[in-house]
C-alpha atoms as a PDB file:
ATOM      1  CA  MET A   1       3.383 -16.138   8.487  1.00  0.00           C
ATOM      2  CA  LYS A   2       5.732 -13.888   8.059  1.00  0.00           C
ATOM      3  CA  ILE A   3       6.730 -10.441   5.750  1.00  0.00           C
ATOM      4  CA  ASP A   4       9.981  -8.644   4.624  1.00  0.00           C
ATOM      5  CA  ALA A   5       9.704  -4.976   4.740  1.00  0.00           C
ATOM      6  CA  ARG A   6      12.038  -3.737   5.243  1.00  0.00           C
ATOM      7  CA  GLY A   7      14.072  -0.893   3.315  1.00  0.00           C
ATOM      8  CA  GLU A   8      10.636  -0.143   1.553  1.00  0.00           C
ATOM      9  CA  ALA A   9       9.289   3.208   1.448  1.00  0.00           C
ATOM     10  CA  CYS A  10       6.613   4.243   3.321  1.00  0.00           C
ATOM     11  CA  PRO A  11       3.120   2.878   2.148  1.00  0.00           C
ATOM     12  CA  THR A  12       5.085  -0.287   1.067  1.00  0.00           C
ATOM     13  CA  PRO A  13       4.774  -1.862   3.870  1.00  0.00           C
ATOM     14  CA  VAL A  14       1.297  -1.123   5.238  1.00  0.00           C
ATOM     15  CA  ILE A  15      -0.005  -3.105   1.554  1.00  0.00           C
ATOM     16  CA  MET A  16       2.285  -5.662   2.016  1.00  0.00           C
ATOM     17  CA  THR A  17       0.151  -6.485   5.328  1.00  0.00           C
ATOM     18  CA  LYS A  18      -2.937  -5.723   3.396  1.00  0.00           C
ATOM     19  CA  LYS A  19      -2.743  -8.460   1.543  1.00  0.00           C
ATOM     20  CA  ALA A  20      -0.618 -11.017   3.329  1.00  0.00           C
ATOM     21  CA  LEU A  21      -3.839 -10.089   6.098  1.00  0.00           C
ATOM     22  CA  GLU A  22      -6.171 -10.823   3.392  1.00  0.00           C
ATOM     23  CA  ASN A  23      -4.487 -14.510   2.653  1.00  0.00           C
ATOM     24  CA  ILE A  24      -5.130 -15.213   6.349  1.00  0.00           C
ATOM     25  CA  ASP A  25      -8.058 -16.362   8.016  1.00  0.00           C
ATOM     26  CA  GLU A  26      -6.597 -17.188  11.664  1.00  0.00           C
ATOM     27  CA  GLY A  27      -2.930 -17.213  12.931  1.00  0.00           C
ATOM     28  CA  ILE A  28       0.065 -15.263  13.171  1.00  0.00           C
ATOM     29  CA  LEU A  29       1.214 -12.644  11.256  1.00  0.00           C
ATOM     30  CA  THR A  30       4.426 -11.120  11.220  1.00  0.00           C
ATOM     31  CA  VAL A  31       5.658  -8.107   9.758  1.00  0.00           C
ATOM     32  CA  LEU A  32      10.024  -7.014   9.957  1.00  0.00           C
ATOM     33  CA  VAL A  33      10.645  -3.321   9.318  1.00  0.00           C
ATOM     34  CA  ASP A  34      13.029  -1.282   9.487  1.00  0.00           C
ATOM     35  CA  ASN A  35      11.435   1.989  10.739  1.00  0.00           C
ATOM     36  CA  PHE A  36       9.744   3.531  13.465  1.00  0.00           C
ATOM     37  CA  ALA A  37       6.970   4.832  11.082  1.00  0.00           C
ATOM     38  CA  SER A  38       6.565   1.884   9.112  1.00  0.00           C
ATOM     39  CA  LYS A  39       5.978   0.123  12.524  1.00  0.00           C
ATOM     40  CA  GLU A  40       3.354   2.926  13.820  1.00  0.00           C
ATOM     41  CA  ASN A  41       1.819   2.380   9.903  1.00  0.00           C
ATOM     42  CA  VAL A  42       1.753  -1.621   9.990  1.00  0.00           C
ATOM     43  CA  ILE A  43       0.067  -1.730  14.220  1.00  0.00           C
ATOM     44  CA  LYS A  44      -2.269   1.078  13.441  1.00  0.00           C
ATOM     45  CA  TYR A  45      -3.501  -0.352  10.538  1.00  0.00           C
ATOM     46  CA  ALA A  46      -3.805  -4.004  11.741  1.00  0.00           C
ATOM     47  CA  MET A  47      -5.442  -2.616  14.760  1.00  0.00           C
ATOM     48  CA  SER A  48      -8.451  -0.803  12.559  1.00  0.00           C
ATOM     49  CA  LEU A  49      -9.159  -4.291  11.411  1.00  0.00           C
ATOM     50  CA  GLY A  50      -9.650  -4.899  15.282  1.00  0.00           C
ATOM     51  CA  HIS A  51      -6.422  -7.153  15.484  1.00  0.00           C
ATOM     52  CA  SER A  52      -4.430  -7.583  18.432  1.00  0.00           C
ATOM     53  CA  CYS A  53      -0.513  -6.251  17.276  1.00  0.00           C
ATOM     54  CA  GLU A  54       3.286  -6.418  19.771  1.00  0.00           C
ATOM     55  CA  PHE A  55       5.875  -5.894  18.203  1.00  0.00           C
ATOM     56  CA  VAL A  56      10.048  -5.988  19.914  1.00  0.00           C
ATOM     57  CA  GLU A  57      13.191  -4.002  18.152  1.00  0.00           C
ATOM     58  CA  ASN A  58      16.355  -5.593  17.870  1.00  0.00           C
ATOM     59  CA  ASP A  59      19.202  -3.160  16.483  1.00  0.00           C
ATOM     60  CA  ASN A  60      16.534  -1.137  14.127  1.00  0.00           C
ATOM     61  CA  VAL A  61      14.323  -4.202  13.302  1.00  0.00           C
ATOM     62  CA  PHE A  62      10.889  -4.296  14.052  1.00  0.00           C
ATOM     63  CA  THR A  63       9.292  -7.401  14.004  1.00  0.00           C
ATOM     64  CA  VAL A  64       5.114  -6.842  13.907  1.00  0.00           C
ATOM     65  CA  ASP A  65       3.382  -9.655  15.146  1.00  0.00           C
ATOM     66  CA  ILE A  66      -0.253  -9.528  14.310  1.00  0.00           C
ATOM     67  CA  ALA A  67      -3.027 -12.104  15.564  1.00  0.00           C
ATOM     68  CA  ILE A  68      -5.286 -12.196  13.685  1.00  0.00           C
ATOM     69  CA  GLY A  69      -9.389 -14.030  13.719  1.00  0.00           C
ATOM     70  CA  TYR A  70      -9.032 -14.532  17.233  1.00  0.00           C
ATOM     71  CA  PRO A  71     -11.814 -12.651  20.433  1.00  0.00           C
ATOM     72  CA  CYS A  72     -10.745  -9.708  19.840  1.00  0.00           C
ATOM     73  CA  ASP A  73     -12.098  -8.592  16.507  1.00  0.00           C
ATOM     74  CA  LEU A  74     -14.212  -5.747  16.254  1.00  0.00           C
ATOM     75  CA  PRO A  75     -16.942  -6.017  13.947  1.00  0.00           C
ATOM     76  CA  VAL A  76     -17.332  -4.144  10.368  1.00  0.00           C
ATOM     77  CA  ASN A  77     -20.265  -1.441   9.825  1.00  0.00           C
ATOM     78  CA  LYS A  78     -21.007  -3.409   6.073  1.00  0.00           C
ATOM     79  CA  GLN A  79     -24.227  -0.583   5.686  1.00  0.00           C
ATOM     80  CA  ALA A  80     -21.508   2.146   6.882  1.00  0.00           C
ATOM     81  CA  SER A  81     -18.869   0.109   3.915  1.00  0.00           C
ATOM     82  CA  ASN A  82     -21.663   0.177   1.667  1.00  0.00           C
ATOM     83  CA  ASP A  83     -21.960   3.540   1.622  1.00  0.00           C
ATOM     84  CA  VAL A  84     -19.345   4.658   1.886  1.00  0.00           C
ATOM     85  CA  ASN A  85     -18.295   2.580  -2.134  1.00  0.00           C
ATOM     86  CA  LYS A  86     -21.132   4.448  -3.900  1.00  0.00           C
ATOM     87  CA  MET A  87     -20.086   7.435  -3.375  1.00  0.00           C
ATOM     88  CA  ASN A  88     -18.682  10.298  -5.797  1.00  0.00           C
ATOM     89  CA  ILE A  89     -15.288  10.424  -5.024  1.00  0.00           C
ATOM     90  CA  VAL A  90     -12.882  13.119  -7.013  1.00  0.00           C
ATOM     91  CA  VAL A  91      -9.128  13.263  -6.154  1.00  0.00           C
ATOM     92  CA  PHE A  92      -8.144  17.478  -7.451  1.00  0.00           C
ATOM     93  CA  VAL A  93      -4.318  16.528  -7.743  1.00  0.00           C
ATOM     94  CA  THR A  94      -3.286  20.520  -8.118  1.00  0.00           C
ATOM     95  CA  SER A  95       1.224  19.693  -8.107  1.00  0.00           C
ATOM     96  CA  ASP A  96       3.529  17.015  -8.500  1.00  0.00           C
ATOM     97  CA  SER A  97       4.155  16.985  -4.918  1.00  0.00           C
ATOM     98  CA  ILE A  98       3.101  16.399  -1.272  1.00  0.00           C
ATOM     99  CA  GLY A  99       4.351  20.158   0.446  1.00  0.00           C
ATOM    100  CA  ASP A 100       7.572  21.663  -0.273  1.00  0.00           C
ATOM    101  CA  ALA A 101       7.858  21.199  -4.211  1.00  0.00           C
ATOM    102  CA  ASN A 102      10.884  19.050  -3.276  1.00  0.00           C
ATOM    103  CA  GLU A 103      12.014  15.653  -3.318  1.00  0.00           C
ATOM    104  CA  LEU A 104      10.674  14.330  -0.082  1.00  0.00           C
ATOM    105  CA  GLY A 105       7.624  15.875  -1.712  1.00  0.00           C
ATOM    106  CA  LYS A 106       7.178  13.703  -5.007  1.00  0.00           C
ATOM    107  CA  THR A 107       8.168  11.430  -3.526  1.00  0.00           C
ATOM    108  CA  LEU A 108       5.161  11.598  -1.056  1.00  0.00           C
ATOM    109  CA  MET A 109       2.636  12.830  -3.768  1.00  0.00           C
ATOM    110  CA  GLN A 110       4.460   9.228  -6.008  1.00  0.00           C
ATOM    111  CA  GLY A 111       3.506   7.052  -3.235  1.00  0.00           C
ATOM    112  CA  PHE A 112      -0.064   8.272  -2.339  1.00  0.00           C
ATOM    113  CA  ILE A 113      -1.308   7.924  -6.168  1.00  0.00           C
ATOM    114  CA  GLY A 114       0.408   4.593  -6.190  1.00  0.00           C
ATOM    115  CA  ASN A 115      -1.854   3.927  -3.102  1.00  0.00           C
ATOM    116  CA  ILE A 116      -5.127   5.346  -4.187  1.00  0.00           C
ATOM    117  CA  ILE A 117      -5.337   1.417  -6.302  1.00  0.00           C
ATOM    118  CA  ASN A 118      -5.873  -0.084  -2.617  1.00  0.00           C
ATOM    119  CA  MET A 119      -8.374   1.690  -1.322  1.00  0.00           C
ATOM    120  CA  GLU A 120     -11.940   0.343  -0.222  1.00  0.00           C
ATOM    121  CA  SER A 121     -13.755   2.658  -2.368  1.00  0.00           C
ATOM    122  CA  LEU A 122     -12.067   4.442  -5.709  1.00  0.00           C
ATOM    123  CA  PRO A 123     -12.647   8.069  -6.551  1.00  0.00           C
ATOM    124  CA  LYS A 124     -15.180   8.302  -9.326  1.00  0.00           C
ATOM    125  CA  THR A 125     -12.349  10.542 -10.613  1.00  0.00           C
ATOM    126  CA  ILE A 126      -8.542  12.446 -10.969  1.00  0.00           C
ATOM    127  CA  ILE A 127      -7.950  15.569 -12.042  1.00  0.00           C
ATOM    128  CA  LEU A 128      -4.456  16.688 -12.765  1.00  0.00           C
ATOM    129  CA  VAL A 129      -3.916  20.716 -12.618  1.00  0.00           C
ATOM    130  CA  ASN A 130      -1.060  23.245 -13.027  1.00  0.00           C
ATOM    131  CA  THR A 131       2.670  20.681 -12.500  1.00  0.00           C
ATOM    132  CA  GLY A 132      -0.547  18.258 -11.470  1.00  0.00           C
ATOM    133  CA  ILE A 133       0.235  16.897 -15.327  1.00  0.00           C
ATOM    134  CA  ASN A 134       3.877  15.759 -14.817  1.00  0.00           C
ATOM    135  CA  LEU A 135       2.017  12.388 -12.661  1.00  0.00           C
ATOM    136  CA  THR A 136       0.055  12.300 -16.755  1.00  0.00           C
ATOM    137  CA  THR A 137       2.980  13.124 -18.373  1.00  0.00           C
ATOM    138  CA  LEU A 138       6.423  12.234 -17.213  1.00  0.00           C
ATOM    139  CA  ASN A 139       6.475  10.654 -13.717  1.00  0.00           C
ATOM    140  CA  HIS A 140       6.957   6.897 -15.260  1.00  0.00           C
ATOM    141  CA  ASP A 141       5.159   5.555 -11.217  1.00  0.00           C
ATOM    142  CA  THR A 142       2.647   7.307 -11.278  1.00  0.00           C
ATOM    143  CA  VAL A 143       1.841   7.369 -14.764  1.00  0.00           C
ATOM    144  CA  THR A 144       1.796   3.179 -14.517  1.00  0.00           C
ATOM    145  CA  ALA A 145      -0.148   3.483 -11.242  1.00  0.00           C
ATOM    146  CA  LEU A 146      -2.845   6.009 -13.061  1.00  0.00           C
ATOM    147  CA  ASN A 147      -3.070   3.740 -15.927  1.00  0.00           C
ATOM    148  CA  ILE A 148      -4.367   0.794 -13.679  1.00  0.00           C
ATOM    149  CA  LEU A 149      -7.209   2.747 -12.482  1.00  0.00           C
ATOM    150  CA  ALA A 150      -7.795   3.760 -15.660  1.00  0.00           C
ATOM    151  CA  GLU A 151      -8.292   0.467 -16.555  1.00  0.00           C
ATOM    152  CA  LYS A 152     -11.001   0.885 -13.479  1.00  0.00           C
ATOM    153  CA  ASN A 153     -12.944   2.830 -15.524  1.00  0.00           C
ATOM    154  CA  ILE A 154     -11.975   5.904 -12.832  1.00  0.00           C
ATOM    155  CA  GLU A 155     -11.569   8.922 -15.300  1.00  0.00           C
ATOM    156  CA  ILE A 156      -8.330   9.936 -14.806  1.00  0.00           C
ATOM    157  CA  LEU A 157      -7.902  14.632 -16.311  1.00  0.00           C
ATOM    158  CA  SER A 158      -5.229  15.984 -17.047  1.00  0.00           C
ATOM    159  CA  CYS A 159      -6.373  20.518 -17.603  1.00  0.00           C
ATOM    160  CA  GLY A 160      -5.779  21.177 -21.173  1.00  0.00           C
ATOM    161  CA  ALA A 161      -4.466  24.327 -20.039  1.00  0.00           C
ATOM    162  CA  CYS A 162      -1.333  23.418 -17.832  1.00  0.00           C
ATOM    163  CA  LEU A 163      -0.316  20.947 -20.729  1.00  0.00           C
ATOM    164  CA  THR A 164       0.253  23.175 -23.083  1.00  0.00           C
ATOM    165  CA  TYR A 165       1.878  25.919 -20.849  1.00  0.00           C
ATOM    166  CA  PHE A 166       4.229  23.706 -19.332  1.00  0.00           C
ATOM    167  CA  ASN A 167       4.641  22.530 -23.042  1.00  0.00           C
ATOM    168  CA  LEU A 168       3.419  18.802 -22.513  1.00  0.00           C
ATOM    169  CA  GLU A 169       0.332  18.624 -24.549  1.00  0.00           C
ATOM    170  CA  HIS A 170       1.995  16.317 -26.756  1.00  0.00           C
ATOM    171  CA  ASN A 171       3.467  13.817 -23.720  1.00  0.00           C
ATOM    172  CA  LEU A 172      -0.043  13.390 -21.467  1.00  0.00           C
ATOM    173  CA  LYS A 173       0.497   8.896 -21.722  1.00  0.00           C
ATOM    174  CA  VAL A 174      -2.454   8.423 -18.947  1.00  0.00           C
ATOM    175  CA  GLY A 175      -6.604   9.035 -19.361  1.00  0.00           C
ATOM    176  CA  GLU A 176      -7.658  12.731 -21.366  1.00  0.00           C
ATOM    177  CA  ILE A 177      -6.646  16.249 -21.508  1.00  0.00           C
ATOM    178  CA  THR A 178      -9.335  18.274 -19.924  1.00  0.00           C
ATOM    179  CA  ASP A 179     -11.088  22.055 -19.349  1.00  0.00           C
ATOM    180  CA  ALA A 180     -11.791  24.323 -16.583  1.00  0.00           C
ATOM    181  CA  HIS A 181     -16.012  23.410 -17.538  1.00  0.00           C
ATOM    182  CA  ARG A 182     -15.593  19.631 -17.434  1.00  0.00           C
ATOM    183  CA  VAL A 183     -13.018  20.254 -14.336  1.00  0.00           C
ATOM    184  CA  MET A 184     -15.961  22.278 -12.841  1.00  0.00           C
ATOM    185  CA  THR A 185     -19.079  19.868 -13.646  1.00  0.00           C
ATOM    186  CA  ARG A 186     -16.959  17.123 -12.101  1.00  0.00           C
ATOM    187  CA  LEU A 187     -15.946  19.208  -8.668  1.00  0.00           C
ATOM    188  CA  PHE A 188     -19.127  20.363  -7.881  1.00  0.00           C
ATOM    189  CA  ALA A 189     -21.496  17.169  -8.765  1.00  0.00           C
ATOM    190  CA  ALA A 190     -18.648  14.799  -6.901  1.00  0.00           C
ATOM    191  CA  ASP A 191     -19.770  13.634  -2.797  1.00  0.00           C
ATOM    192  CA  LYS A 192     -16.489  14.785  -2.317  1.00  0.00           C
ATOM    193  CA  VAL A 193     -13.369  16.187  -3.263  1.00  0.00           C
ATOM    194  CA  ILE A 194     -10.413  14.515  -2.515  1.00  0.00           C
ATOM    195  CA  LYS A 195      -7.119  17.562  -2.681  1.00  0.00           C
ATOM    196  CA  LEU A 196      -3.739  16.716  -2.891  1.00  0.00           C
END
């Protein structure tokens, strides 16, 4: 099987690889990517599942071959996986960008939000404050991704004071308006808080 992830932004090559691997019991999956970071990410993901990988580079295209279903597979700790799935995870988003508030930072945040759905264990709540509320109001791609999560009963909460401050209280497209007390209740009750 072959997938062509050339031209795809992070984390799409890994997501494409993940979906392809879910449909293969044994054989070779070939993944084409056109940058070093994507090649490294695909290899690390496949190896984390116990698969072996080889790659070649030709004209700035990396061809990654992943061997599936051979004795190199590592046993999966099912008990640890089940424990993680029972955790009350809260994602706390304080900005609409990762790092500096520039185009790269906004692209990274969009990628992180879009990739939550592909995680082994999903959060119970996503809280958005400050400019993070742009992700539930102005950014079409993150609104779409968050709507998919909301359909899976993940609570999406946007700070009401923040929406008012930025004059976006009538622009909320996913989730609910919340207050500081509810935010603090969710954070203090969490088994794990992931801050973006």
